[in-house]
Amino acid sequence: MEPLDPALEALVRNVIGQVADKWTMLILETLDEHGTVRFTQIGRLVGNISQKMLTKTLRQMEYDGLIKRTVHPVIPPHVDYTLTDLGRSLGAAFCGVWMWAEANHAEVEAARAAFKARNSEV
């Protein structure tokens, strides 16, 4: 096996750590489905996300090049977000996870139920 490039390994670990959280994935999905969306609308569409967490996640996604933030010079400020090509490609990569979950949902639920049954007897 060929040795891994330490810089590439560090990048992969960092990217996975940044984007594999539920908020990033839900925001990716929201922007993919709805196109360009205003800040407050993203919060409503994602649901159950605090404004602080939404701001933090959007900033990280912008930093990573996954989204484009546009500030419109009006009062009050109008800020909206859209996926970049990089963000769309990440969404496509994670589409496989959704397909896996759909195909294996029943099996995962059965395994969880069996685990609970085994461990509730102890």
PDB file of N, CA and C in Angstrom:
ATOM      1  N   MET A   1       0.839  -1.185   0.000  1.00  0.00           N
ATOM      2  CA  MET A   1       0.000   0.000   0.000  1.00  0.00           C
ATOM      3  C   MET A   1       0.882   1.246   0.000  1.00  0.00           C
ATOM      4  N   GLU A   2       0.528   2.182  -0.836  1.00  0.00           N
ATOM      5  CA  GLU A   2       1.303   3.407  -0.970  1.00  0.00           C
ATOM      6  C   GLU A   2       1.087   4.306   0.254  1.00  0.00           C
ATOM      7  N   PRO A   3       2.154   4.887   0.808  1.00  0.00           N
ATOM      8  CA  PRO A   3       1.979   5.756   1.978  1.00  0.00           C
ATOM      9  C   PRO A   3       1.143   6.985   1.632  1.00  0.00           C
ATOM     10  N   LEU A   4       0.348   7.409   2.611  1.00  0.00           N
ATOM     11  CA  LEU A   4      -0.514   8.572   2.406  1.00  0.00           C
ATOM     12  C   LEU A   4       0.284   9.855   2.525  1.00  0.00           C
ATOM     13  N   ASP A   5      -0.065  10.813   1.700  1.00  0.00           N
ATOM     14  CA  ASP A   5       0.518  12.140   1.802  1.00  0.00           C
ATOM     15  C   ASP A   5      -0.038  12.785   3.071  1.00  0.00           C
ATOM     16  N   PRO A   6       0.817  13.137   4.037  1.00  0.00           N
ATOM     17  CA  PRO A   6       0.322  13.702   5.304  1.00  0.00           C
ATOM     18  C   PRO A   6      -0.548  14.950   5.116  1.00  0.00           C
ATOM     19  N   ALA A   7      -0.215  15.776   4.128  1.00  0.00           N
ATOM     20  CA  ALA A   7      -1.011  16.986   3.886  1.00  0.00           C
ATOM     21  C   ALA A   7      -2.404  16.614   3.393  1.00  0.00           C
ATOM     22  N   LEU A   8      -2.490  15.631   2.500  1.00  0.00           N
ATOM     23  CA  LEU A   8      -3.782  15.186   1.990  1.00  0.00           C
ATOM     24  C   LEU A   8      -4.598  14.535   3.107  1.00  0.00           C
ATOM     25  N   GLU A   9      -3.953  13.709   3.909  1.00  0.00           N
ATOM     26  CA  GLU A   9      -4.646  13.063   5.028  1.00  0.00           C
ATOM     27  C   GLU A   9      -5.192  14.112   6.002  1.00  0.00           C
ATOM     28  N   ALA A  10      -4.400  15.129   6.296  1.00  0.00           N
ATOM     29  CA  ALA A  10      -4.853  16.197   7.188  1.00  0.00           C
ATOM     30  C   ALA A  10      -6.043  16.940   6.587  1.00  0.00           C
ATOM     31  N   LEU A  11      -5.992  17.206   5.280  1.00  0.00           N
ATOM     32  CA  LEU A  11      -7.099  17.894   4.617  1.00  0.00           C
ATOM     33  C   LEU A  11      -8.371  17.063   4.674  1.00  0.00           C
ATOM     34  N   VAL A  12      -8.267  15.774   4.368  1.00  0.00           N
ATOM     35  CA  VAL A  12      -9.438  14.902   4.390  1.00  0.00           C
ATOM     36  C   VAL A  12     -10.042  14.865   5.791  1.00  0.00           C
ATOM     37  N   ARG A  13      -9.219  14.696   6.797  1.00  0.00           N
ATOM     38  CA  ARG A  13      -9.726  14.669   8.180  1.00  0.00           C
ATOM     39  C   ARG A  13     -10.401  15.993   8.545  1.00  0.00           C
ATOM     40  N   ASN A  14      -9.798  17.087   8.125  1.00  0.00           N
ATOM     41  CA  ASN A  14     -10.366  18.400   8.426  1.00  0.00           C
ATOM     42  C   ASN A  14     -11.698  18.596   7.717  1.00  0.00           C
ATOM     43  N   VAL A  15     -11.757  18.261   6.440  1.00  0.00           N
ATOM     44  CA  VAL A  15     -12.997  18.451   5.672  1.00  0.00           C
ATOM     45  C   VAL A  15     -14.106  17.573   6.251  1.00  0.00           C
ATOM     46  N   ILE A  16     -13.791  16.322   6.541  1.00  0.00           N
ATOM     47  CA  ILE A  16     -14.812  15.443   7.123  1.00  0.00           C
ATOM     48  C   ILE A  16     -15.297  16.014   8.447  1.00  0.00           C
ATOM     49  N   GLY A  17     -14.382  16.484   9.259  1.00  0.00           N
ATOM     50  CA  GLY A  17     -14.767  17.078  10.538  1.00  0.00           C
ATOM     51  C   GLY A  17     -15.652  18.301  10.387  1.00  0.00           C
ATOM     52  N   GLN A  18     -15.399  19.082   9.344  1.00  0.00           N
ATOM     53  CA  GLN A  18     -16.176  20.308   9.137  1.00  0.00           C
ATOM     54  C   GLN A  18     -17.538  20.047   8.514  1.00  0.00           C
ATOM     55  N   VAL A  19     -17.621  19.116   7.579  1.00  0.00           N
ATOM     56  CA  VAL A  19     -18.858  18.992   6.810  1.00  0.00           C
ATOM     57  C   VAL A  19     -19.725  17.815   7.194  1.00  0.00           C
ATOM     58  N   ALA A  20     -19.223  16.926   8.036  1.00  0.00           N
ATOM     59  CA  ALA A  20     -20.003  15.730   8.354  1.00  0.00           C
ATOM     60  C   ALA A  20     -20.942  15.939   9.538  1.00  0.00           C
ATOM     61  N   ASP A  21     -21.193  17.171   9.907  1.00  0.00           N
ATOM     62  CA  ASP A  21     -22.150  17.415  10.982  1.00  0.00           C
ATOM     63  C   ASP A  21     -23.546  17.589  10.394  1.00  0.00           C
ATOM     64  N   LYS A  22     -24.529  17.401  11.225  1.00  0.00           N
ATOM     65  CA  LYS A  22     -25.904  17.407  10.706  1.00  0.00           C
ATOM     66  C   LYS A  22     -26.319  18.766  10.146  1.00  0.00           C
ATOM     67  N   TRP A  23     -25.868  19.867  10.742  1.00  0.00           N
ATOM     68  CA  TRP A  23     -26.321  21.177  10.271  1.00  0.00           C
ATOM     69  C   TRP A  23     -25.796  21.461   8.874  1.00  0.00           C
ATOM     70  N   THR A  24     -24.536  21.147   8.617  1.00  0.00           N
ATOM     71  CA  THR A  24     -23.980  21.376   7.283  1.00  0.00           C
ATOM     72  C   THR A  24     -24.751  20.565   6.251  1.00  0.00           C
ATOM     73  N   MET A  25     -25.015  19.315   6.570  1.00  0.00           N
ATOM     74  CA  MET A  25     -25.727  18.456   5.626  1.00  0.00           C
ATOM     75  C   MET A  25     -27.148  18.965   5.383  1.00  0.00           C
ATOM     76  N   LEU A  26     -27.831  19.398   6.430  1.00  0.00           N
ATOM     77  CA  LEU A  26     -29.197  19.902   6.271  1.00  0.00           C
ATOM     78  C   LEU A  26     -29.222  21.213   5.483  1.00  0.00           C
ATOM     79  N   ILE A  27     -28.236  22.067   5.702  1.00  0.00           N
ATOM     80  CA  ILE A  27     -28.167  23.314   4.952  1.00  0.00           C
ATOM     81  C   ILE A  27     -27.839  23.031   3.487  1.00  0.00           C
ATOM     82  N   LEU A  28     -26.909  22.098   3.234  1.00  0.00           N
ATOM     83  CA  LEU A  28     -26.618  21.700   1.851  1.00  0.00           C
ATOM     84  C   LEU A  28     -27.883  21.233   1.153  1.00  0.00           C
ATOM     85  N   GLU A  29     -28.629  20.383   1.835  1.00  0.00           N
ATOM     86  CA  GLU A  29     -29.868  19.854   1.252  1.00  0.00           C
ATOM     87  C   GLU A  29     -30.876  20.971   0.996  1.00  0.00           C
ATOM     88  N   THR A  30     -31.013  21.885   1.951  1.00  0.00           N
ATOM     89  CA  THR A  30     -31.956  23.000   1.816  1.00  0.00           C
ATOM     90  C   THR A  30     -31.601  23.875   0.625  1.00  0.00           C
ATOM     91  N   LEU A  31     -30.329  24.237   0.498  1.00  0.00           N
ATOM     92  CA  LEU A  31     -29.916  25.095  -0.613  1.00  0.00           C
ATOM     93  C   LEU A  31     -30.014  24.362  -1.944  1.00  0.00           C
ATOM     94  N   ASP A  32     -29.764  23.061  -1.937  1.00  0.00           N
ATOM     95  CA  ASP A  32     -29.899  22.284  -3.162  1.00  0.00           C
ATOM     96  C   ASP A  32     -31.349  22.247  -3.629  1.00  0.00           C
ATOM     97  N   GLU A  33     -32.267  22.105  -2.688  1.00  0.00           N
ATOM     98  CA  GLU A  33     -33.692  22.031  -3.032  1.00  0.00           C
ATOM     99  C   GLU A  33     -34.305  23.384  -3.368  1.00  0.00           C
ATOM    100  N   HIS A  34     -33.840  24.452  -2.711  1.00  0.00           N
ATOM    101  CA  HIS A  34     -34.511  25.749  -2.826  1.00  0.00           C
ATOM    102  C   HIS A  34     -33.703  26.816  -3.570  1.00  0.00           C
ATOM    103  N   GLY A  35     -32.481  26.517  -3.964  1.00  0.00           N
ATOM    104  CA  GLY A  35     -31.678  27.503  -4.678  1.00  0.00           C
ATOM    105  C   GLY A  35     -31.151  28.578  -3.752  1.00  0.00           C
ATOM    106  N   THR A  36     -31.191  29.818  -4.189  1.00  0.00           N
ATOM    107  CA  THR A  36     -30.724  30.944  -3.387  1.00  0.00           C
ATOM    108  C   THR A  36     -31.755  31.245  -2.311  1.00  0.00           C
ATOM    109  N   VAL A  37     -31.278  31.287  -1.059  1.00  0.00           N
ATOM    110  CA  VAL A  37     -32.189  31.411   0.080  1.00  0.00           C
ATOM    111  C   VAL A  37     -31.652  32.447   1.058  1.00  0.00           C
ATOM    112  N   ARG A  38     -32.564  33.240   1.619  1.00  0.00           N
ATOM    113  CA  ARG A  38     -32.194  34.227   2.633  1.00  0.00           C
ATOM    114  C   ARG A  38     -31.880  33.546   3.957  1.00  0.00           C
ATOM    115  N   PHE A  39     -31.077  34.217   4.763  1.00  0.00           N
ATOM    116  CA  PHE A  39     -30.631  33.695   6.056  1.00  0.00           C
ATOM    117  C   PHE A  39     -31.799  33.189   6.902  1.00  0.00           C
ATOM    118  N   THR A  40     -32.795  34.031   7.112  1.00  0.00           N
ATOM    119  CA  THR A  40     -33.905  33.646   7.991  1.00  0.00           C
ATOM    120  C   THR A  40     -34.697  32.476   7.423  1.00  0.00           C
ATOM    121  N   GLN A  41     -34.814  32.436   6.097  1.00  0.00           N
ATOM    122  CA  GLN A  41     -35.548  31.334   5.475  1.00  0.00           C
ATOM    123  C   GLN A  41     -34.785  30.013   5.638  1.00  0.00           C
ATOM    124  N   ILE A  42     -33.449  30.052   5.573  1.00  0.00           N
ATOM    125  CA  ILE A  42     -32.672  28.827   5.805  1.00  0.00           C
ATOM    126  C   ILE A  42     -32.985  28.287   7.193  1.00  0.00           C
ATOM    127  N   GLY A  43     -32.998  29.176   8.182  1.00  0.00           N
ATOM    128  CA  GLY A  43     -33.304  28.748   9.550  1.00  0.00           C
ATOM    129  C   GLY A  43     -34.666  28.091   9.650  1.00  0.00           C
ATOM    130  N   ARG A  44     -35.658  28.669   9.001  1.00  0.00           N
ATOM    131  CA  ARG A  44     -37.010  28.083   9.025  1.00  0.00           C
ATOM    132  C   ARG A  44     -37.053  26.736   8.313  1.00  0.00           C
ATOM    133  N   LEU A  45     -36.409  26.656   7.166  1.00  0.00           N
ATOM    134  CA  LEU A  45     -36.448  25.419   6.380  1.00  0.00           C
ATOM    135  C   LEU A  45     -35.673  24.281   7.052  1.00  0.00           C
ATOM    136  N   VAL A  46     -34.549  24.601   7.672  1.00  0.00           N
ATOM    137  CA  VAL A  46     -33.760  23.582   8.371  1.00  0.00           C
ATOM    138  C   VAL A  46     -34.482  23.155   9.640  1.00  0.00           C
ATOM    139  N   GLY A  47     -35.008  24.122  10.382  1.00  0.00           N
ATOM    140  CA  GLY A  47     -35.759  23.834  11.605  1.00  0.00           C
ATOM    141  C   GLY A  47     -34.871  23.490  12.787  1.00  0.00           C
ATOM    142  N   ASN A  48     -35.272  23.928  13.950  1.00  0.00           N
ATOM    143  CA  ASN A  48     -34.603  23.612  15.223  1.00  0.00           C
ATOM    144  C   ASN A  48     -33.115  23.945  15.257  1.00  0.00           C
ATOM    145  N   ILE A  49     -32.705  24.969  14.544  1.00  0.00           N
ATOM    146  CA  ILE A  49     -31.320  25.416  14.593  1.00  0.00           C
ATOM    147  C   ILE A  49     -31.306  26.816  15.185  1.00  0.00           C
ATOM    148  N   SER A  50     -30.425  27.042  16.145  1.00  0.00           N
ATOM    149  CA  SER A  50     -30.339  28.372  16.744  1.00  0.00           C
ATOM    150  C   SER A  50     -29.696  29.330  15.745  1.00  0.00           C
ATOM    151  N   GLN A  51     -29.963  30.611  15.933  1.00  0.00           N
ATOM    152  CA  GLN A  51     -29.377  31.619  15.046  1.00  0.00           C
ATOM    153  C   GLN A  51     -27.855  31.581  15.148  1.00  0.00           C
ATOM    154  N   LYS A  52     -27.340  31.361  16.364  1.00  0.00           N
ATOM    155  CA  LYS A  52     -25.894  31.289  16.570  1.00  0.00           C
ATOM    156  C   LYS A  52     -25.292  30.117  15.787  1.00  0.00           C
ATOM    157  N   MET A  53     -25.925  28.944  15.848  1.00  0.00           N
ATOM    158  CA  MET A  53     -25.409  27.772  15.139  1.00  0.00           C
ATOM    159  C   MET A  53     -25.548  27.938  13.629  1.00  0.00           C
ATOM    160  N   LEU A  54     -26.645  28.553  13.195  1.00  0.00           N
ATOM    161  CA  LEU A  54     -26.841  28.810  11.773  1.00  0.00           C
ATOM    162  C   LEU A  54     -25.739  29.739  11.255  1.00  0.00           C
ATOM    163  N   THR A  55     -25.472  30.814  11.982  1.00  0.00           N
ATOM    164  CA  THR A  55     -24.424  31.756  11.596  1.00  0.00           C
ATOM    165  C   THR A  55     -23.071  31.061  11.547  1.00  0.00           C
ATOM    166  N   LYS A  56     -22.750  30.301  12.570  1.00  0.00           N
ATOM    167  CA  LYS A  56     -21.466  29.595  12.638  1.00  0.00           C
ATOM    168  C   LYS A  56     -21.318  28.613  11.475  1.00  0.00           C
ATOM    169  N   THR A  57     -22.363  27.840  11.203  1.00  0.00           N
ATOM    170  CA  THR A  57     -22.300  26.838  10.137  1.00  0.00           C
ATOM    171  C   THR A  57     -22.180  27.497   8.770  1.00  0.00           C
ATOM    172  N   LEU A  58     -22.962  28.554   8.532  1.00  0.00           N
ATOM    173  CA  LEU A  58     -22.886  29.255   7.246  1.00  0.00           C
ATOM    174  C   LEU A  58     -21.506  29.878   7.037  1.00  0.00           C
ATOM    175  N   ARG A  59     -20.930  30.443   8.089  1.00  0.00           N
ATOM    176  CA  ARG A  59     -19.589  31.036   7.970  1.00  0.00           C
ATOM    177  C   ARG A  59     -18.557  29.973   7.612  1.00  0.00           C
ATOM    178  N   GLN A  60     -18.643  28.818   8.265  1.00  0.00           N
ATOM    179  CA  GLN A  60     -17.706  27.733   7.971  1.00  0.00           C
ATOM    180  C   GLN A  60     -17.888  27.230   6.544  1.00  0.00           C
ATOM    181  N   MET A  61     -19.141  27.121   6.122  1.00  0.00           N
ATOM    182  CA  MET A  61     -19.414  26.664   4.754  1.00  0.00           C
ATOM    183  C   MET A  61     -18.890  27.672   3.722  1.00  0.00           C
ATOM    184  N   GLU A  62     -19.019  28.949   4.022  1.00  0.00           N
ATOM    185  CA  GLU A  62     -18.480  29.982   3.127  1.00  0.00           C
ATOM    186  C   GLU A  62     -16.953  29.904   3.110  1.00  0.00           C
ATOM    187  N   TYR A  63     -16.346  29.744   4.270  1.00  0.00           N
ATOM    188  CA  TYR A  63     -14.893  29.616   4.397  1.00  0.00           C
ATOM    189  C   TYR A  63     -14.376  28.444   3.567  1.00  0.00           C
ATOM    190  N   ASP A  64     -15.115  27.320   3.602  1.00  0.00           N
ATOM    191  CA  ASP A  64     -14.724  26.117   2.873  1.00  0.00           C
ATOM    192  C   ASP A  64     -15.067  26.177   1.389  1.00  0.00           C
ATOM    193  N   GLY A  65     -15.739  27.238   0.962  1.00  0.00           N
ATOM    194  CA  GLY A  65     -16.066  27.406  -0.450  1.00  0.00           C
ATOM    195  C   GLY A  65     -17.308  26.651  -0.901  1.00  0.00           C
ATOM    196  N   LEU A  66     -18.142  26.228   0.062  1.00  0.00           N
ATOM    197  CA  LEU A  66     -19.334  25.448  -0.276  1.00  0.00           C
ATOM    198  C   LEU A  66     -20.521  26.316  -0.656  1.00  0.00           C
ATOM    199  N   ILE A  67     -20.549  27.534  -0.141  1.00  0.00           N
ATOM    200  CA  ILE A  67     -21.647  28.454  -0.422  1.00  0.00           C
ATOM    201  C   ILE A  67     -21.100  29.833  -0.769  1.00  0.00           C
ATOM    202  N   LYS A  68     -21.941  30.607  -1.427  1.00  0.00           N
ATOM    203  CA  LYS A  68     -21.620  32.007  -1.723  1.00  0.00           C
ATOM    204  C   LYS A  68     -22.602  32.865  -0.939  1.00  0.00           C
ATOM    205  N   ARG A  69     -22.080  33.818  -0.223  1.00  0.00           N
ATOM    206  CA  ARG A  69     -22.888  34.754   0.568  1.00  0.00           C
ATOM    207  C   ARG A  69     -22.948  36.069  -0.193  1.00  0.00           C
ATOM    208  N   THR A  70     -24.173  36.566  -0.384  1.00  0.00           N
ATOM    209  CA  THR A  70     -24.364  37.839  -1.085  1.00  0.00           C
ATOM    210  C   THR A  70     -25.101  38.791  -0.167  1.00  0.00           C
ATOM    211  N   VAL A  71     -24.499  39.964   0.065  1.00  0.00           N
ATOM    212  CA  VAL A  71     -25.131  41.008   0.872  1.00  0.00           C
ATOM    213  C   VAL A  71     -25.655  42.064  -0.082  1.00  0.00           C
ATOM    214  N   HIS A  72     -26.947  42.318  -0.013  1.00  0.00           N
ATOM    215  CA  HIS A  72     -27.561  43.343  -0.856  1.00  0.00           C
ATOM    216  C   HIS A  72     -27.607  44.654  -0.074  1.00  0.00           C
ATOM    217  N   PRO A  73     -27.138  45.746  -0.664  1.00  0.00           N
ATOM    218  CA  PRO A  73     -27.032  47.024   0.043  1.00  0.00           C
ATOM    219  C   PRO A  73     -28.382  47.733   0.186  1.00  0.00           C
ATOM    220  N   VAL A  74     -29.226  47.167   1.010  1.00  0.00           N
ATOM    221  CA  VAL A  74     -30.524  47.775   1.301  1.00  0.00           C
ATOM    222  C   VAL A  74     -30.668  47.854   2.818  1.00  0.00           C
ATOM    223  N   ILE A  75     -31.663  48.588   3.255  1.00  0.00           N
ATOM    224  CA  ILE A  75     -31.927  48.700   4.692  1.00  0.00           C
ATOM    225  C   ILE A  75     -33.291  48.104   4.972  1.00  0.00           C
ATOM    226  N   PRO A  76     -33.403  47.113   5.851  1.00  0.00           N
ATOM    227  CA  PRO A  76     -32.312  46.412   6.522  1.00  0.00           C
ATOM    228  C   PRO A  76     -31.556  45.538   5.526  1.00  0.00           C
ATOM    229  N   PRO A  77     -30.313  45.151   5.875  1.00  0.00           N
ATOM    230  CA  PRO A  77     -29.511  44.352   4.944  1.00  0.00           C
ATOM    231  C   PRO A  77     -30.216  43.054   4.557  1.00  0.00           C
ATOM    232  N   HIS A  78     -30.080  42.711   3.318  1.00  0.00           N
ATOM    233  CA  HIS A  78     -30.654  41.477   2.773  1.00  0.00           C
ATOM    234  C   HIS A  78     -29.469  40.579   2.426  1.00  0.00           C
ATOM    235  N   VAL A  79     -29.375  39.427   3.103  1.00  0.00           N
ATOM    236  CA  VAL A  79     -28.276  38.503   2.873  1.00  0.00           C
ATOM    237  C   VAL A  79     -28.856  37.182   2.399  1.00  0.00           C
ATOM    238  N   ASP A  80     -28.306  36.676   1.293  1.00  0.00           N
ATOM    239  CA  ASP A  80     -28.755  35.364   0.861  1.00  0.00           C
ATOM    240  C   ASP A  80     -27.562  34.475   0.529  1.00  0.00           C
ATOM    241  N   TYR A  81     -27.861  33.189   0.421  1.00  0.00           N
ATOM    242  CA  TYR A  81     -26.836  32.172   0.245  1.00  0.00           C
ATOM    243  C   TYR A  81     -27.229  31.256  -0.895  1.00  0.00           C
ATOM    244  N   THR A  82     -26.210  30.793  -1.603  1.00  0.00           N
ATOM    245  CA  THR A  82     -26.425  29.831  -2.676  1.00  0.00           C
ATOM    246  C   THR A  82     -25.255  28.859  -2.692  1.00  0.00           C
ATOM    247  N   LEU A  83     -25.496  27.655  -3.161  1.00  0.00           N
ATOM    248  CA  LEU A  83     -24.425  26.669  -3.261  1.00  0.00           C
ATOM    249  C   LEU A  83     -23.459  27.046  -4.372  1.00  0.00           C
ATOM    250  N   THR A  84     -22.197  26.786  -4.139  1.00  0.00           N
ATOM    251  CA  THR A  84     -21.194  26.892  -5.195  1.00  0.00           C
ATOM    252  C   THR A  84     -21.134  25.537  -5.900  1.00  0.00           C
ATOM    253  N   ASP A  85     -20.377  25.473  -6.971  1.00  0.00           N
ATOM    254  CA  ASP A  85     -20.189  24.178  -7.635  1.00  0.00           C
ATOM    255  C   ASP A  85     -19.555  23.174  -6.676  1.00  0.00           C
ATOM    256  N   LEU A  86     -18.647  23.654  -5.836  1.00  0.00           N
ATOM    257  CA  LEU A  86     -18.011  22.789  -4.848  1.00  0.00           C
ATOM    258  C   LEU A  86     -19.037  22.255  -3.853  1.00  0.00           C
ATOM    259  N   GLY A  87     -19.943  23.112  -3.414  1.00  0.00           N
ATOM    260  CA  GLY A  87     -21.003  22.688  -2.496  1.00  0.00           C
ATOM    261  C   GLY A  87     -21.942  21.678  -3.136  1.00  0.00           C
ATOM    262  N   ARG A  88     -22.277  21.913  -4.404  1.00  0.00           N
ATOM    263  CA  ARG A  88     -23.135  20.957  -5.119  1.00  0.00           C
ATOM    264  C   ARG A  88     -22.447  19.605  -5.249  1.00  0.00           C
ATOM    265  N   SER A  89     -21.147  19.614  -5.516  1.00  0.00           N
ATOM    266  CA  SER A  89     -20.434  18.345  -5.669  1.00  0.00           C
ATOM    267  C   SER A  89     -20.358  17.602  -4.340  1.00  0.00           C
ATOM    268  N   LEU A  90     -20.243  18.318  -3.231  1.00  0.00           N
ATOM    269  CA  LEU A  90     -20.255  17.667  -1.922  1.00  0.00           C
ATOM    270  C   LEU A  90     -21.627  17.065  -1.655  1.00  0.00           C
ATOM    271  N   GLY A  91     -22.676  17.805  -1.990  1.00  0.00           N
ATOM    272  CA  GLY A  91     -24.032  17.274  -1.830  1.00  0.00           C
ATOM    273  C   GLY A  91     -24.229  15.999  -2.635  1.00  0.00           C
ATOM    274  N   ALA A  92     -23.683  15.977  -3.843  1.00  0.00           N
ATOM    275  CA  ALA A  92     -23.790  14.773  -4.672  1.00  0.00           C
ATOM    276  C   ALA A  92     -23.027  13.617  -4.048  1.00  0.00           C
ATOM    277  N   ALA A  93     -21.876  13.909  -3.449  1.00  0.00           N
ATOM    278  CA  ALA A  93     -21.083  12.858  -2.800  1.00  0.00           C
ATOM    279  C   ALA A  93     -21.843  12.261  -1.625  1.00  0.00           C
ATOM    280  N   PHE A  94     -22.536  13.092  -0.869  1.00  0.00           N
ATOM    281  CA  PHE A  94     -23.278  12.602   0.286  1.00  0.00           C
ATOM    282  C   PHE A  94     -24.615  11.994  -0.104  1.00  0.00           C
ATOM    283  N   CYS A  95     -25.009  12.145  -1.352  1.00  0.00           N
ATOM    284  CA  CYS A  95     -26.236  11.520  -1.828  1.00  0.00           C
ATOM    285  C   CYS A  95     -26.166  10.013  -1.636  1.00  0.00           C
ATOM    286  N   GLY A  96     -24.987   9.443  -1.769  1.00  0.00           N
ATOM    287  CA  GLY A  96     -24.802   8.018  -1.545  1.00  0.00           C
ATOM    288  C   GLY A  96     -25.167   7.595  -0.138  1.00  0.00           C
ATOM    289  N   VAL A  97     -24.899   8.450   0.828  1.00  0.00           N
ATOM    290  CA  VAL A  97     -25.261   8.150   2.216  1.00  0.00           C
ATOM    291  C   VAL A  97     -26.778   8.104   2.361  1.00  0.00           C
ATOM    292  N   TRP A  98     -27.468   9.036   1.726  1.00  0.00           N
ATOM    293  CA  TRP A  98     -28.934   9.045   1.767  1.00  0.00           C
ATOM    294  C   TRP A  98     -29.492   7.774   1.128  1.00  0.00           C
ATOM    295  N   MET A  99     -28.916   7.389  -0.009  1.00  0.00           N
ATOM    296  CA  MET A  99     -29.383   6.192  -0.696  1.00  0.00           C
ATOM    297  C   MET A  99     -29.128   4.948   0.167  1.00  0.00           C
ATOM    298  N   TRP A 100     -27.959   4.894   0.819  1.00  0.00           N
ATOM    299  CA  TRP A 100     -27.651   3.786   1.718  1.00  0.00           C
ATOM    300  C   TRP A 100     -28.661   3.743   2.858  1.00  0.00           C
ATOM    301  N   ALA A 101     -28.948   4.898   3.458  1.00  0.00           N
ATOM    302  CA  ALA A 101     -29.887   4.954   4.581  1.00  0.00           C
ATOM    303  C   ALA A 101     -31.276   4.498   4.153  1.00  0.00           C
ATOM    304  N   GLU A 102     -31.703   4.912   2.985  1.00  0.00           N
ATOM    305  CA  GLU A 102     -33.011   4.501   2.499  1.00  0.00           C
ATOM    306  C   GLU A 102     -33.073   2.991   2.270  1.00  0.00           C
ATOM    307  N   ALA A 103     -32.021   2.452   1.675  1.00  0.00           N
ATOM    308  CA  ALA A 103     -31.995   1.020   1.369  1.00  0.00           C
ATOM    309  C   ALA A 103     -31.864   0.157   2.619  1.00  0.00           C
ATOM    310  N   ASN A 104     -31.229   0.696   3.665  1.00  0.00           N
ATOM    311  CA  ASN A 104     -30.926  -0.105   4.848  1.00  0.00           C
ATOM    312  C   ASN A 104     -31.659   0.326   6.108  1.00  0.00           C
ATOM    313  N   HIS A 105     -32.615   1.224   5.962  1.00  0.00           N
ATOM    314  CA  HIS A 105     -33.337   1.765   7.113  1.00  0.00           C
ATOM    315  C   HIS A 105     -33.945   0.662   7.989  1.00  0.00           C
ATOM    316  N   ALA A 106     -34.656  -0.261   7.378  1.00  0.00           N
ATOM    317  CA  ALA A 106     -35.327  -1.324   8.143  1.00  0.00           C
ATOM    318  C   ALA A 106     -34.315  -2.194   8.879  1.00  0.00           C
ATOM    319  N   GLU A 107     -33.215  -2.499   8.225  1.00  0.00           N
ATOM    320  CA  GLU A 107     -32.189  -3.345   8.853  1.00  0.00           C
ATOM    321  C   GLU A 107     -31.531  -2.630  10.039  1.00  0.00           C
ATOM    322  N   VAL A 108     -31.268  -1.346   9.894  1.00  0.00           N
ATOM    323  CA  VAL A 108     -30.684  -0.569  10.993  1.00  0.00           C
ATOM    324  C   VAL A 108     -31.658  -0.512  12.166  1.00  0.00           C
ATOM    325  N   GLU A 109     -32.929  -0.251  11.875  1.00  0.00           N
ATOM    326  CA  GLU A 109     -33.934  -0.195  12.945  1.00  0.00           C
ATOM    327  C   GLU A 109     -34.061  -1.549  13.649  1.00  0.00           C
ATOM    328  N   ALA A 110     -34.019  -2.650  12.900  1.00  0.00           N
ATOM    329  CA  ALA A 110     -34.093  -3.989  13.499  1.00  0.00           C
ATOM    330  C   ALA A 110     -32.875  -4.237  14.382  1.00  0.00           C
ATOM    331  N   ALA A 111     -31.697  -3.847  13.936  1.00  0.00           N
ATOM    332  CA  ALA A 111     -30.483  -4.020  14.737  1.00  0.00           C
ATOM    333  C   ALA A 111     -30.566  -3.200  16.021  1.00  0.00           C
ATOM    334  N   ARG A 112     -31.081  -1.988  15.932  1.00  0.00           N
ATOM    335  CA  ARG A 112     -31.223  -1.142  17.127  1.00  0.00           C
ATOM    336  C   ARG A 112     -32.217  -1.755  18.110  1.00  0.00           C
ATOM    337  N   ALA A 113     -33.326  -2.256  17.598  1.00  0.00           N
ATOM    338  CA  ALA A 113     -34.331  -2.887  18.466  1.00  0.00           C
ATOM    339  C   ALA A 113     -33.750  -4.131  19.138  1.00  0.00           C
ATOM    340  N   ALA A 114     -33.002  -4.937  18.384  1.00  0.00           N
ATOM    341  CA  ALA A 114     -32.385  -6.136  18.959  1.00  0.00           C
ATOM    342  C   ALA A 114     -31.363  -5.758  20.021  1.00  0.00           C
ATOM    343  N   PHE A 115     -30.598  -4.720  19.780  1.00  0.00           N
ATOM    344  CA  PHE A 115     -29.611  -4.257  20.755  1.00  0.00           C
ATOM    345  C   PHE A 115     -30.303  -3.818  22.044  1.00  0.00           C
ATOM    346  N   LYS A 116     -31.365  -3.017  21.893  1.00  0.00           N
ATOM    347  CA  LYS A 116     -32.104  -2.556  23.074  1.00  0.00           C
ATOM    348  C   LYS A 116     -32.677  -3.736  23.844  1.00  0.00           C
ATOM    349  N   ALA A 117     -33.218  -4.717  23.148  1.00  0.00           N
ATOM    350  CA  ALA A 117     -33.805  -5.889  23.801  1.00  0.00           C
ATOM    351  C   ALA A 117     -32.745  -6.678  24.560  1.00  0.00           C
ATOM    352  N   ARG A 118     -31.581  -6.863  23.957  1.00  0.00           N
ATOM    353  CA  ARG A 118     -30.499  -7.591  24.624  1.00  0.00           C
ATOM    354  C   ARG A 118     -30.000  -6.849  25.854  1.00  0.00           C
ATOM    355  N   ASN A 119     -29.921  -5.516  25.747  1.00  0.00           N
ATOM    356  CA  ASN A 119     -29.342  -4.749  26.840  1.00  0.00           C
ATOM    357  C   ASN A 119     -30.346  -4.342  27.907  1.00  0.00           C
ATOM    358  N   SER A 120     -31.614  -4.475  27.642  1.00  0.00           N
ATOM    359  CA  SER A 120     -32.603  -4.150  28.670  1.00  0.00           C
ATOM    360  C   SER A 120     -32.776  -5.309  29.642  1.00  0.00           C
ATOM    361  N   GLU A 121     -32.325  -6.509  29.244  1.00  0.00           N
ATOM    362  CA  GLU A 121     -32.421  -7.689  30.101  1.00  0.00           C
ATOM    363  C   GLU A 121     -31.347  -7.690  31.175  1.00  0.00           C
ATOM    364  N   VAL A 122     -30.311  -6.905  31.000  1.00  0.00           N
ATOM    365  CA  VAL A 122     -29.176  -6.898  31.936  1.00  0.00           C
ATOM    366  C   VAL A 122     -29.508  -6.096  33.164  1.00  0.00           C
TER     367      VAL A 122
END
